[in-house]
Amino acid sequence: MANGIVLAGGGAGGAVVSIALNAIIHRLGIAWAFRIHCLLVAFTGLPAAFVIRERVPYKPCGLIDW
């Protein structure tokens, strides 16, 4: 259920971003649309990347995990 909700949210988010970028391209041009999109992705993605933690600690192993 949780995976389904996450995947549905990703699809809906992609649709919203595409519609929003189309509107920004028509109003401000493609260069500013990419700049705005880059800033929005950076401001939302970087904090999320710093918050994510692994549930199981990482165990280093050799080249082949026997």
PDB file of N, CA and C in Angstrom:
ATOM      1  N   MET A   1       0.824  -1.185   0.000  1.00  0.00           N
ATOM      2  CA  MET A   1       0.000   0.000   0.000  1.00  0.00           C
ATOM      3  C   MET A   1       0.878   1.263   0.000  1.00  0.00           C
ATOM      4  N   ALA A   2       1.900   1.252   0.859  1.00  0.00           N
ATOM      5  CA  ALA A   2       2.773   2.426   0.939  1.00  0.00           C
ATOM      6  C   ALA A   2       3.509   2.654  -0.383  1.00  0.00           C
ATOM      7  N   ASN A   3       3.988   1.578  -0.991  1.00  0.00           N
ATOM      8  CA  ASN A   3       4.677   1.731  -2.275  1.00  0.00           C
ATOM      9  C   ASN A   3       3.732   2.255  -3.344  1.00  0.00           C
ATOM     10  N   GLY A   4       2.500   1.802  -3.342  1.00  0.00           N
ATOM     11  CA  GLY A   4       1.520   2.301  -4.303  1.00  0.00           C
ATOM     12  C   GLY A   4       1.255   3.785  -4.130  1.00  0.00           C
ATOM     13  N   ILE A   5       1.166   4.223  -2.881  1.00  0.00           N
ATOM     14  CA  ILE A   5       0.941   5.654  -2.611  1.00  0.00           C
ATOM     15  C   ILE A   5       2.135   6.479  -3.082  1.00  0.00           C
ATOM     16  N   VAL A   6       3.336   5.983  -2.828  1.00  0.00           N
ATOM     17  CA  VAL A   6       4.542   6.700  -3.255  1.00  0.00           C
ATOM     18  C   VAL A   6       4.600   6.792  -4.774  1.00  0.00           C
ATOM     19  N   LEU A   7       4.328   5.695  -5.463  1.00  0.00           N
ATOM     20  CA  LEU A   7       4.375   5.715  -6.926  1.00  0.00           C
ATOM     21  C   LEU A   7       3.282   6.601  -7.518  1.00  0.00           C
ATOM     22  N   ALA A   8       2.107   6.584  -6.928  1.00  0.00           N
ATOM     23  CA  ALA A   8       1.030   7.456  -7.411  1.00  0.00           C
ATOM     24  C   ALA A   8       1.392   8.925  -7.194  1.00  0.00           C
ATOM     25  N   GLY A   9       2.004   9.219  -6.056  1.00  0.00           N
ATOM     26  CA  GLY A   9       2.435  10.595  -5.794  1.00  0.00           C
ATOM     27  C   GLY A   9       3.506  11.051  -6.760  1.00  0.00           C
ATOM     28  N   GLY A  10       4.408  10.137  -7.112  1.00  0.00           N
ATOM     29  CA  GLY A  10       5.441  10.487  -8.090  1.00  0.00           C
ATOM     30  C   GLY A  10       4.857  10.781  -9.458  1.00  0.00           C
ATOM     31  N   GLY A  11       3.878   9.995  -9.861  1.00  0.00           N
ATOM     32  CA  GLY A  11       3.224  10.249 -11.150  1.00  0.00           C
ATOM     33  C   GLY A  11       2.448  11.551 -11.152  1.00  0.00           C
ATOM     34  N   ALA A  12       1.716  11.803 -10.077  1.00  0.00           N
ATOM     35  CA  ALA A  12       0.950  13.055  -9.972  1.00  0.00           C
ATOM     36  C   ALA A  12       1.894  14.250  -9.911  1.00  0.00           C
ATOM     37  N   GLY A  13       3.002  14.111  -9.185  1.00  0.00           N
ATOM     38  CA  GLY A  13       3.976  15.200  -9.112  1.00  0.00           C
ATOM     39  C   GLY A  13       4.601  15.493 -10.461  1.00  0.00           C
ATOM     40  N   GLY A  14       4.897  14.452 -11.225  1.00  0.00           N
ATOM     41  CA  GLY A  14       5.448  14.653 -12.561  1.00  0.00           C
ATOM     42  C   GLY A  14       4.475  15.377 -13.478  1.00  0.00           C
ATOM     43  N   ALA A  15       3.191  15.049 -13.349  1.00  0.00           N
ATOM     44  CA  ALA A  15       2.173  15.728 -14.166  1.00  0.00           C
ATOM     45  C   ALA A  15       2.062  17.201 -13.782  1.00  0.00           C
ATOM     46  N   VAL A  16       2.079  17.479 -12.491  1.00  0.00           N
ATOM     47  CA  VAL A  16       1.967  18.869 -12.030  1.00  0.00           C
ATOM     48  C   VAL A  16       3.188  19.680 -12.457  1.00  0.00           C
ATOM     49  N   VAL A  17       4.373  19.102 -12.336  1.00  0.00           N
ATOM     50  CA  VAL A  17       5.594  19.808 -12.735  1.00  0.00           C
ATOM     51  C   VAL A  17       5.570  20.099 -14.227  1.00  0.00           C
ATOM     52  N   SER A  18       5.109  19.152 -15.027  1.00  0.00           N
ATOM     53  CA  SER A  18       5.073  19.375 -16.466  1.00  0.00           C
ATOM     54  C   SER A  18       4.108  20.507 -16.841  1.00  0.00           C
ATOM     55  N   ILE A  19       2.954  20.543 -16.207  1.00  0.00           N
ATOM     56  CA  ILE A  19       1.988  21.620 -16.476  1.00  0.00           C
ATOM     57  C   ILE A  19       2.523  22.959 -16.002  1.00  0.00           C
ATOM     58  N   ALA A  20       3.142  22.979 -14.817  1.00  0.00           N
ATOM     59  CA  ALA A  20       3.686  24.229 -14.284  1.00  0.00           C
ATOM     60  C   ALA A  20       4.836  24.746 -15.143  1.00  0.00           C
ATOM     61  N   LEU A  21       5.728  23.850 -15.565  1.00  0.00           N
ATOM     62  CA  LEU A  21       6.843  24.289 -16.405  1.00  0.00           C
ATOM     63  C   LEU A  21       6.362  24.809 -17.756  1.00  0.00           C
ATOM     64  N   ASN A  22       5.332  24.206 -18.300  1.00  0.00           N
ATOM     65  CA  ASN A  22       4.780  24.697 -19.556  1.00  0.00           C
ATOM     66  C   ASN A  22       4.271  26.131 -19.395  1.00  0.00           C
ATOM     67  N   ALA A  23       3.591  26.407 -18.291  1.00  0.00           N
ATOM     68  CA  ALA A  23       3.091  27.760 -18.041  1.00  0.00           C
ATOM     69  C   ALA A  23       4.245  28.739 -17.835  1.00  0.00           C
ATOM     70  N   ILE A  24       5.281  28.319 -17.120  1.00  0.00           N
ATOM     71  CA  ILE A  24       6.432  29.203 -16.887  1.00  0.00           C
ATOM     72  C   ILE A  24       7.180  29.467 -18.194  1.00  0.00           C
ATOM     73  N   ILE A  25       7.290  28.460 -19.047  1.00  0.00           N
ATOM     74  CA  ILE A  25       7.969  28.649 -20.336  1.00  0.00           C
ATOM     75  C   ILE A  25       7.240  29.692 -21.167  1.00  0.00           C
ATOM     76  N   HIS A  26       5.914  29.645 -21.180  1.00  0.00           N
ATOM     77  CA  HIS A  26       5.150  30.611 -21.979  1.00  0.00           C
ATOM     78  C   HIS A  26       5.228  32.021 -21.399  1.00  0.00           C
ATOM     79  N   ARG A  27       5.385  32.151 -20.086  1.00  0.00           N
ATOM     80  CA  ARG A  27       5.432  33.480 -19.474  1.00  0.00           C
ATOM     81  C   ARG A  27       6.835  34.069 -19.430  1.00  0.00           C
ATOM     82  N   LEU A  28       7.845  33.254 -19.076  1.00  0.00           N
ATOM     83  CA  LEU A  28       9.179  33.795 -18.831  1.00  0.00           C
ATOM     84  C   LEU A  28      10.239  33.321 -19.814  1.00  0.00           C
ATOM     85  N   GLY A  29       9.959  32.297 -20.576  1.00  0.00           N
ATOM     86  CA  GLY A  29      10.951  31.753 -21.497  1.00  0.00           C
ATOM     87  C   GLY A  29      11.588  30.498 -20.926  1.00  0.00           C
ATOM     88  N   ILE A  30      12.250  29.765 -21.809  1.00  0.00           N
ATOM     89  CA  ILE A  30      12.775  28.460 -21.410  1.00  0.00           C
ATOM     90  C   ILE A  30      13.962  28.575 -20.458  1.00  0.00           C
ATOM     91  N   ALA A  31      14.788  29.591 -20.624  1.00  0.00           N
ATOM     92  CA  ALA A  31      15.958  29.732 -19.753  1.00  0.00           C
ATOM     93  C   ALA A  31      15.525  29.939 -18.300  1.00  0.00           C
ATOM     94  N   TRP A  32      14.569  30.840 -18.074  1.00  0.00           N
ATOM     95  CA  TRP A  32      14.103  31.087 -16.706  1.00  0.00           C
ATOM     96  C   TRP A  32      13.300  29.911 -16.167  1.00  0.00           C
ATOM     97  N   ALA A  33      12.631  29.192 -17.037  1.00  0.00           N
ATOM     98  CA  ALA A  33      11.890  28.014 -16.587  1.00  0.00           C
ATOM     99  C   ALA A  33      12.851  26.968 -16.021  1.00  0.00           C
ATOM    100  N   PHE A  34      13.973  26.747 -16.702  1.00  0.00           N
ATOM    101  CA  PHE A  34      14.957  25.792 -16.200  1.00  0.00           C
ATOM    102  C   PHE A  34      15.615  26.292 -14.923  1.00  0.00           C
ATOM    103  N   ARG A  35      15.873  27.581 -14.833  1.00  0.00           N
ATOM    104  CA  ARG A  35      16.466  28.129 -13.601  1.00  0.00           C
ATOM    105  C   ARG A  35      15.527  27.953 -12.412  1.00  0.00           C
ATOM    106  N   ILE A  36      14.261  28.270 -12.607  1.00  0.00           N
ATOM    107  CA  ILE A  36      13.275  28.130 -11.526  1.00  0.00           C
ATOM    108  C   ILE A  36      13.112  26.673 -11.142  1.00  0.00           C
ATOM    109  N   HIS A  37      13.045  25.792 -12.124  1.00  0.00           N
ATOM    110  CA  HIS A  37      12.902  24.359 -11.844  1.00  0.00           C
ATOM    111  C   HIS A  37      14.113  23.836 -11.077  1.00  0.00           C
ATOM    112  N   CYS A  38      15.307  24.257 -11.455  1.00  0.00           N
ATOM    113  CA  CYS A  38      16.523  23.842 -10.766  1.00  0.00           C
ATOM    114  C   CYS A  38      16.504  24.287  -9.316  1.00  0.00           C
ATOM    115  N   LEU A  39      16.109  25.520  -9.054  1.00  0.00           N
ATOM    116  CA  LEU A  39      16.059  26.015  -7.677  1.00  0.00           C
ATOM    117  C   LEU A  39      15.022  25.267  -6.848  1.00  0.00           C
ATOM    118  N   LEU A  40      13.859  25.000  -7.435  1.00  0.00           N
ATOM    119  CA  LEU A  40      12.829  24.262  -6.695  1.00  0.00           C
ATOM    120  C   LEU A  40      13.281  22.842  -6.367  1.00  0.00           C
ATOM    121  N   VAL A  41      13.924  22.190  -7.319  1.00  0.00           N
ATOM    122  CA  VAL A  41      14.419  20.833  -7.066  1.00  0.00           C
ATOM    123  C   VAL A  41      15.510  20.855  -5.998  1.00  0.00           C
ATOM    124  N   ALA A  42      16.393  21.842  -6.055  1.00  0.00           N
ATOM    125  CA  ALA A  42      17.471  21.937  -5.064  1.00  0.00           C
ATOM    126  C   ALA A  42      16.915  22.210  -3.672  1.00  0.00           C
ATOM    127  N   PHE A  43      15.945  23.125  -3.556  1.00  0.00           N
ATOM    128  CA  PHE A  43      15.396  23.486  -2.243  1.00  0.00           C
ATOM    129  C   PHE A  43      14.543  22.378  -1.638  1.00  0.00           C
ATOM    130  N   THR A  44      13.989  21.503  -2.457  1.00  0.00           N
ATOM    131  CA  THR A  44      13.194  20.404  -1.908  1.00  0.00           C
ATOM    132  C   THR A  44      13.972  19.097  -1.841  1.00  0.00           C
ATOM    133  N   GLY A  45      14.865  18.868  -2.780  1.00  0.00           N
ATOM    134  CA  GLY A  45      15.579  17.598  -2.836  1.00  0.00           C
ATOM    135  C   GLY A  45      16.756  17.497  -1.886  1.00  0.00           C
ATOM    136  N   LEU A  46      17.524  18.559  -1.746  1.00  0.00           N
ATOM    137  CA  LEU A  46      18.691  18.498  -0.868  1.00  0.00           C
ATOM    138  C   LEU A  46      18.320  18.293   0.602  1.00  0.00           C
ATOM    139  N   PRO A  47      17.365  19.030   1.155  1.00  0.00           N
ATOM    140  CA  PRO A  47      16.996  18.740   2.554  1.00  0.00           C
ATOM    141  C   PRO A  47      16.459  17.322   2.728  1.00  0.00           C
ATOM    142  N   ALA A  48      15.699  16.842   1.778  1.00  0.00           N
ATOM    143  CA  ALA A  48      15.172  15.476   1.870  1.00  0.00           C
ATOM    144  C   ALA A  48      16.311  14.464   1.828  1.00  0.00           C
ATOM    145  N   ALA A  49      17.332  14.702   1.024  1.00  0.00           N
ATOM    146  CA  ALA A  49      18.463  13.782   0.939  1.00  0.00           C
ATOM    147  C   ALA A  49      19.262  13.751   2.238  1.00  0.00           C
ATOM    148  N   PHE A  50      19.342  14.873   2.944  1.00  0.00           N
ATOM    149  CA  PHE A  50      20.080  14.908   4.205  1.00  0.00           C
ATOM    150  C   PHE A  50      19.308  14.246   5.343  1.00  0.00           C
ATOM    151  N   VAL A  51      17.982  14.183   5.242  1.00  0.00           N
ATOM    152  CA  VAL A  51      17.155  13.620   6.308  1.00  0.00           C
ATOM    153  C   VAL A  51      17.070  12.093   6.222  1.00  0.00           C
ATOM    154  N   ILE A  52      17.201  11.534   5.025  1.00  0.00           N
ATOM    155  CA  ILE A  52      17.036  10.093   4.824  1.00  0.00           C
ATOM    156  C   ILE A  52      18.169   9.339   5.524  1.00  0.00           C
ATOM    157  N   ARG A  53      17.793   8.311   6.262  1.00  0.00           N
ATOM    158  CA  ARG A  53      18.775   7.453   6.929  1.00  0.00           C
ATOM    159  C   ARG A  53      18.472   6.005   6.599  1.00  0.00           C
ATOM    160  N   GLU A  54      19.496   5.179   6.670  1.00  0.00           N
ATOM    161  CA  GLU A  54      19.307   3.755   6.436  1.00  0.00           C
ATOM    162  C   GLU A  54      18.822   3.095   7.712  1.00  0.00           C
ATOM    163  N   ARG A  55      17.906   2.141   7.578  1.00  0.00           N
ATOM    164  CA  ARG A  55      17.395   1.432   8.745  1.00  0.00           C
ATOM    165  C   ARG A  55      18.395   0.421   9.254  1.00  0.00           C
ATOM    166  N   VAL A  56      19.108  -0.230   8.357  1.00  0.00           N
ATOM    167  CA  VAL A  56      20.089  -1.243   8.734  1.00  0.00           C
ATOM    168  C   VAL A  56      21.472  -0.662   8.479  1.00  0.00           C
ATOM    169  N   PRO A  57      22.370  -0.731   9.462  1.00  0.00           N
ATOM    170  CA  PRO A  57      23.704  -0.164   9.235  1.00  0.00           C
ATOM    171  C   PRO A  57      24.440  -0.889   8.109  1.00  0.00           C
ATOM    172  N   TYR A  58      25.237  -0.166   7.401  1.00  0.00           N
ATOM    173  CA  TYR A  58      26.014  -0.697   6.272  1.00  0.00           C
ATOM    174  C   TYR A  58      27.195  -1.497   6.801  1.00  0.00           C
ATOM    175  N   LYS A  59      27.372  -2.706   6.287  1.00  0.00           N
ATOM    176  CA  LYS A  59      28.507  -3.548   6.656  1.00  0.00           C
ATOM    177  C   LYS A  59      29.411  -3.679   5.448  1.00  0.00           C
ATOM    178  N   PRO A  60      30.623  -3.158   5.541  1.00  0.00           N
ATOM    179  CA  PRO A  60      31.519  -3.302   4.394  1.00  0.00           C
ATOM    180  C   PRO A  60      31.920  -4.756   4.195  1.00  0.00           C
ATOM    181  N   CYS A  61      32.017  -5.177   2.953  1.00  0.00           N
ATOM    182  CA  CYS A  61      32.422  -6.541   2.640  1.00  0.00           C
ATOM    183  C   CYS A  61      33.474  -6.485   1.536  1.00  0.00           C
ATOM    184  N   GLY A  62      34.020  -7.630   1.212  1.00  0.00           N
ATOM    185  CA  GLY A  62      35.059  -7.703   0.180  1.00  0.00           C
ATOM    186  C   GLY A  62      34.475  -7.519  -1.199  1.00  0.00           C
ATOM    187  N   LEU A  63      35.265  -7.852  -2.180  1.00  0.00           N
ATOM    188  CA  LEU A  63      34.845  -7.717  -3.565  1.00  0.00           C
ATOM    189  C   LEU A  63      33.673  -8.651  -3.875  1.00  0.00           C
ATOM    190  N   ILE A  64      33.702  -9.845  -3.294  1.00  0.00           N
ATOM    191  CA  ILE A  64      32.618 -10.820  -3.480  1.00  0.00           C
ATOM    192  C   ILE A  64      32.007 -11.130  -2.124  1.00  0.00           C
ATOM    193  N   ASP A  65      30.709 -11.021  -2.011  1.00  0.00           N
ATOM    194  CA  ASP A  65      30.020 -11.315  -0.756  1.00  0.00           C
ATOM    195  C   ASP A  65      29.666 -12.797  -0.747  1.00  0.00           C
ATOM    196  N   TRP A  66      30.501 -13.624  -0.080  1.00  0.00           N
ATOM    197  CA  TRP A  66      30.298 -15.067  -0.055  1.00  0.00           C
ATOM    198  C   TRP A  66      29.112 -15.393   0.804  1.00  0.00           C
TER     199      TRP A  66
END
